[in-house]
Amino acid sequence: MAGKEKTQNCCVPDNLMGCCKIEALVSVDERGQMVLPKETRDRAKIRPGDKLALISWEKDGSVCCMFLIKAEELTGMVKSMLGPLFKEIAG
């Protein structure tokens, strides 16, 4: 359509469209708490005591998307990305 600007959700880059889905709708209570559905916790192997990192994505000064990643997975991701860099620097 000529003259129409394509609108893209800030959270879904083109290369992620096939891997993401809506897992569940979660409500926030008056204390700001949320409950992840049991089925989701089971599939993600989230157990009591697990730590989750909350990653936010901002657009135009506002948070538009949030992601939860197990802290242990985030640590592994950071090590795999930064490890080679540190080895190169220390080289």
N, C-alpha and C. Protein backbone atom coordinates (compact mmCIF):
# COMPACT_ATOMS: atom_id res chain seq x y z
N MET A 1 0.83 -1.19 0.00
CA MET A 1 0.00 0.00 0.00
C MET A 1 0.87 1.24 0.00
N ALA A 2 0.74 2.03 -1.01
CA ALA A 2 1.52 3.26 -1.10
C ALA A 2 1.08 4.24 -0.03
N GLY A 3 2.08 4.90 0.57
CA GLY A 3 1.77 5.92 1.56
C GLY A 3 1.52 5.38 2.96
N LYS A 4 1.33 4.10 3.11
CA LYS A 4 1.11 3.52 4.44
C LYS A 4 2.45 3.09 5.02
N GLU A 5 2.69 3.43 6.28
CA GLU A 5 3.93 3.05 6.94
C GLU A 5 3.72 1.71 7.63
N LYS A 6 4.64 0.79 7.45
CA LYS A 6 4.54 -0.51 8.08
C LYS A 6 4.81 -0.37 9.57
N THR A 7 3.90 -0.83 10.40
CA THR A 7 4.05 -0.77 11.85
C THR A 7 4.59 -2.10 12.33
N GLN A 8 5.67 -2.06 13.11
CA GLN A 8 6.26 -3.28 13.65
C GLN A 8 6.28 -3.19 15.16
N ASN A 9 5.88 -4.26 15.81
CA ASN A 9 5.94 -4.34 17.25
C ASN A 9 7.40 -4.22 17.67
N CYS A 10 7.67 -3.42 18.70
CA CYS A 10 9.06 -3.19 19.11
C CYS A 10 9.70 -4.45 19.68
N CYS A 11 8.93 -5.41 20.11
CA CYS A 11 9.47 -6.62 20.75
C CYS A 11 9.76 -7.74 19.78
N VAL A 12 9.31 -7.65 18.57
CA VAL A 12 9.40 -8.79 17.67
C VAL A 12 10.17 -8.44 16.41
N PRO A 13 11.52 -8.50 16.50
CA PRO A 13 12.29 -8.31 15.28
C PRO A 13 11.93 -9.39 14.27
N ASP A 14 12.11 -9.10 12.99
CA ASP A 14 11.72 -10.03 11.94
C ASP A 14 12.26 -11.43 12.14
N ASN A 15 13.48 -11.57 12.66
CA ASN A 15 14.08 -12.89 12.80
C ASN A 15 13.55 -13.70 13.98
N LEU A 16 12.69 -13.12 14.81
CA LEU A 16 12.14 -13.85 15.96
C LEU A 16 10.68 -14.25 15.79
N MET A 17 10.07 -13.88 14.68
CA MET A 17 8.64 -14.11 14.51
C MET A 17 8.25 -15.57 14.66
N GLY A 18 9.09 -16.51 14.23
CA GLY A 18 8.72 -17.92 14.26
C GLY A 18 8.97 -18.61 15.59
N CYS A 19 9.74 -18.00 16.50
CA CYS A 19 10.12 -18.72 17.71
C CYS A 19 9.30 -18.33 18.93
N CYS A 20 8.54 -17.28 18.86
CA CYS A 20 7.85 -16.76 20.04
C CYS A 20 6.35 -16.99 19.93
N LYS A 21 5.72 -17.17 21.08
CA LYS A 21 4.27 -17.31 21.12
C LYS A 21 3.76 -16.78 22.45
N ILE A 22 2.48 -16.50 22.50
CA ILE A 22 1.86 -16.10 23.77
C ILE A 22 1.67 -17.37 24.58
N GLU A 23 2.36 -17.42 25.71
CA GLU A 23 2.32 -18.61 26.57
C GLU A 23 1.11 -18.56 27.50
N ALA A 24 0.83 -17.39 28.05
CA ALA A 24 -0.28 -17.24 28.99
C ALA A 24 -0.53 -15.76 29.22
N LEU A 25 -1.71 -15.42 29.70
CA LEU A 25 -2.00 -14.08 30.16
C LEU A 25 -1.89 -14.10 31.68
N VAL A 26 -1.18 -13.14 32.22
CA VAL A 26 -0.90 -13.10 33.65
C VAL A 26 -1.45 -11.79 34.20
N SER A 27 -2.14 -11.87 35.33
CA SER A 27 -2.69 -10.67 35.97
C SER A 27 -1.75 -10.19 37.07
N VAL A 28 -1.77 -8.88 37.30
CA VAL A 28 -0.99 -8.27 38.37
C VAL A 28 -1.97 -7.90 39.47
N ASP A 29 -1.68 -8.34 40.72
CA ASP A 29 -2.60 -8.02 41.81
C ASP A 29 -2.27 -6.65 42.40
N GLU A 30 -3.02 -6.25 43.42
CA GLU A 30 -2.86 -4.91 43.99
C GLU A 30 -1.50 -4.69 44.63
N ARG A 31 -0.79 -5.78 44.95
CA ARG A 31 0.56 -5.66 45.52
C ARG A 31 1.64 -5.73 44.44
N GLY A 32 1.23 -5.83 43.19
CA GLY A 32 2.19 -5.89 42.09
C GLY A 32 2.72 -7.29 41.82
N GLN A 33 2.10 -8.30 42.42
CA GLN A 33 2.57 -9.67 42.25
C GLN A 33 1.85 -10.37 41.11
N MET A 34 2.57 -11.30 40.49
CA MET A 34 2.03 -12.10 39.39
C MET A 34 2.30 -13.57 39.68
N VAL A 35 1.49 -14.42 39.10
CA VAL A 35 1.71 -15.86 39.22
C VAL A 35 1.88 -16.43 37.83
N LEU A 36 2.99 -17.15 37.62
CA LEU A 36 3.19 -17.86 36.36
C LEU A 36 2.39 -19.15 36.42
N PRO A 37 1.60 -19.45 35.41
CA PRO A 37 0.80 -20.68 35.42
C PRO A 37 1.68 -21.92 35.59
N LYS A 38 1.16 -22.91 36.29
CA LYS A 38 1.90 -24.14 36.58
C LYS A 38 2.41 -24.80 35.30
N GLU A 39 1.58 -24.84 34.29
CA GLU A 39 1.99 -25.49 33.03
C GLU A 39 3.22 -24.79 32.44
N THR A 40 3.23 -23.47 32.53
CA THR A 40 4.37 -22.70 32.01
C THR A 40 5.61 -22.96 32.86
N ARG A 41 5.45 -22.95 34.18
CA ARG A 41 6.59 -23.23 35.06
C ARG A 41 7.14 -24.62 34.79
N ASP A 42 6.26 -25.60 34.61
CA ASP A 42 6.71 -26.97 34.35
C ASP A 42 7.48 -27.05 33.03
N ARG A 43 6.95 -26.44 31.98
CA ARG A 43 7.61 -26.50 30.67
C ARG A 43 8.95 -25.78 30.68
N ALA A 44 9.05 -24.71 31.48
CA ALA A 44 10.29 -23.94 31.57
C ALA A 44 11.22 -24.48 32.67
N LYS A 45 10.76 -25.52 33.36
CA LYS A 45 11.53 -26.12 34.46
C LYS A 45 11.89 -25.07 35.52
N ILE A 46 10.92 -24.23 35.84
CA ILE A 46 11.10 -23.22 36.89
C ILE A 46 10.63 -23.83 38.20
N ARG A 47 11.52 -23.86 39.16
CA ARG A 47 11.25 -24.48 40.46
C ARG A 47 11.30 -23.43 41.56
N PRO A 48 10.70 -23.72 42.72
CA PRO A 48 10.78 -22.78 43.84
C PRO A 48 12.24 -22.45 44.15
N GLY A 49 12.51 -21.19 44.35
CA GLY A 49 13.87 -20.74 44.65
C GLY A 49 14.67 -20.31 43.43
N ASP A 50 14.21 -20.67 42.23
CA ASP A 50 14.90 -20.24 41.01
C ASP A 50 14.87 -18.72 40.91
N LYS A 51 15.93 -18.16 40.36
CA LYS A 51 16.00 -16.72 40.13
C LYS A 51 15.74 -16.46 38.65
N LEU A 52 14.93 -15.44 38.39
CA LEU A 52 14.62 -15.04 37.02
C LEU A 52 15.07 -13.61 36.81
N ALA A 53 15.73 -13.36 35.69
CA ALA A 53 16.13 -11.99 35.33
C ALA A 53 15.01 -11.39 34.50
N LEU A 54 14.62 -10.19 34.84
CA LEU A 54 13.60 -9.46 34.09
C LEU A 54 14.33 -8.52 33.15
N ILE A 55 14.19 -8.75 31.85
CA ILE A 55 14.84 -7.94 30.83
C ILE A 55 13.76 -7.06 30.20
N SER A 56 14.03 -5.77 30.13
CA SER A 56 13.04 -4.87 29.53
C SER A 56 13.58 -4.32 28.22
N TRP A 57 12.66 -3.99 27.35
CA TRP A 57 12.98 -3.42 26.04
C TRP A 57 12.25 -2.09 25.98
N GLU A 58 12.99 -1.02 25.76
CA GLU A 58 12.40 0.31 25.74
C GLU A 58 12.29 0.86 24.33
N LYS A 59 11.25 1.63 24.14
CA LYS A 59 11.07 2.34 22.88
C LYS A 59 10.47 3.70 23.23
N ASP A 60 11.07 4.74 22.72
CA ASP A 60 10.60 6.11 22.96
C ASP A 60 10.48 6.43 24.45
N GLY A 61 11.40 5.92 25.28
CA GLY A 61 11.43 6.23 26.70
C GLY A 61 10.48 5.43 27.57
N SER A 62 9.74 4.48 26.99
CA SER A 62 8.82 3.66 27.78
C SER A 62 9.14 2.18 27.57
N VAL A 63 8.93 1.40 28.61
CA VAL A 63 9.11 -0.04 28.48
C VAL A 63 7.94 -0.58 27.66
N CYS A 64 8.26 -1.26 26.57
CA CYS A 64 7.20 -1.80 25.73
C CYS A 64 7.13 -3.33 25.81
N CYS A 65 8.22 -3.97 26.23
CA CYS A 65 8.24 -5.43 26.33
C CYS A 65 9.10 -5.84 27.52
N MET A 66 8.75 -6.99 28.10
CA MET A 66 9.54 -7.56 29.19
C MET A 66 9.70 -9.05 28.94
N PHE A 67 10.89 -9.55 29.29
CA PHE A 67 11.18 -10.96 29.11
C PHE A 67 11.71 -11.51 30.43
N LEU A 68 11.39 -12.76 30.73
CA LEU A 68 11.96 -13.44 31.89
C LEU A 68 12.94 -14.48 31.39
N ILE A 69 14.14 -14.49 31.95
CA ILE A 69 15.16 -15.47 31.61
C ILE A 69 15.70 -16.03 32.91
N LYS A 70 15.84 -17.35 32.99
CA LYS A 70 16.44 -17.94 34.19
C LYS A 70 17.83 -17.33 34.37
N ALA A 71 18.14 -16.93 35.59
CA ALA A 71 19.41 -16.28 35.88
C ALA A 71 20.58 -17.16 35.46
N GLU A 72 20.48 -18.45 35.67
CA GLU A 72 21.58 -19.35 35.28
C GLU A 72 21.78 -19.36 33.77
N GLU A 73 20.70 -19.24 33.00
CA GLU A 73 20.81 -19.18 31.54
C GLU A 73 21.43 -17.85 31.11
N LEU A 74 21.05 -16.78 31.78
CA LEU A 74 21.59 -15.47 31.46
C LEU A 74 23.09 -15.44 31.73
N THR A 75 23.50 -16.03 32.83
CA THR A 75 24.93 -16.10 33.16
C THR A 75 25.69 -16.84 32.06
N GLY A 76 25.13 -17.97 31.60
CA GLY A 76 25.76 -18.72 30.53
C GLY A 76 25.84 -17.93 29.24
N MET A 77 24.76 -17.19 28.93
CA MET A 77 24.74 -16.37 27.71
C MET A 77 25.82 -15.28 27.77
N VAL A 78 25.94 -14.64 28.92
CA VAL A 78 26.93 -13.57 29.07
C VAL A 78 28.34 -14.14 28.95
N LYS A 79 28.57 -15.28 29.61
CA LYS A 79 29.89 -15.90 29.54
C LYS A 79 30.24 -16.28 28.11
N SER A 80 29.28 -16.84 27.37
CA SER A 80 29.58 -17.27 26.01
C SER A 80 29.83 -16.08 25.09
N MET A 81 29.18 -14.94 25.37
CA MET A 81 29.38 -13.76 24.53
C MET A 81 30.65 -13.00 24.92
N LEU A 82 30.89 -12.84 26.22
CA LEU A 82 32.01 -12.03 26.67
C LEU A 82 33.29 -12.82 26.87
N GLY A 83 33.18 -14.12 27.11
CA GLY A 83 34.37 -14.94 27.33
C GLY A 83 35.40 -14.80 26.23
N PRO A 84 35.02 -15.00 24.96
CA PRO A 84 36.01 -14.84 23.88
C PRO A 84 36.60 -13.43 23.82
N LEU A 85 35.79 -12.42 24.14
CA LEU A 85 36.28 -11.04 24.13
C LEU A 85 37.36 -10.86 25.19
N PHE A 86 37.11 -11.37 26.40
CA PHE A 86 38.09 -11.24 27.48
C PHE A 86 39.37 -12.01 27.14
N LYS A 87 39.23 -13.18 26.51
CA LYS A 87 40.42 -13.95 26.12
C LYS A 87 41.24 -13.17 25.11
N GLU A 88 40.55 -12.49 24.18
CA GLU A 88 41.24 -11.71 23.16
C GLU A 88 41.97 -10.53 23.79
N ILE A 89 41.32 -9.87 24.76
CA ILE A 89 41.93 -8.73 25.43
C ILE A 89 43.14 -9.17 26.26
N ALA A 90 42.99 -10.29 26.97
CA ALA A 90 44.06 -10.78 27.83
C ALA A 90 45.20 -11.38 26.99
N GLY A 91 44.84 -11.85 25.77
CA GLY A 91 45.66 -12.51 24.80
C GLY A 91 47.07 -12.50 24.97
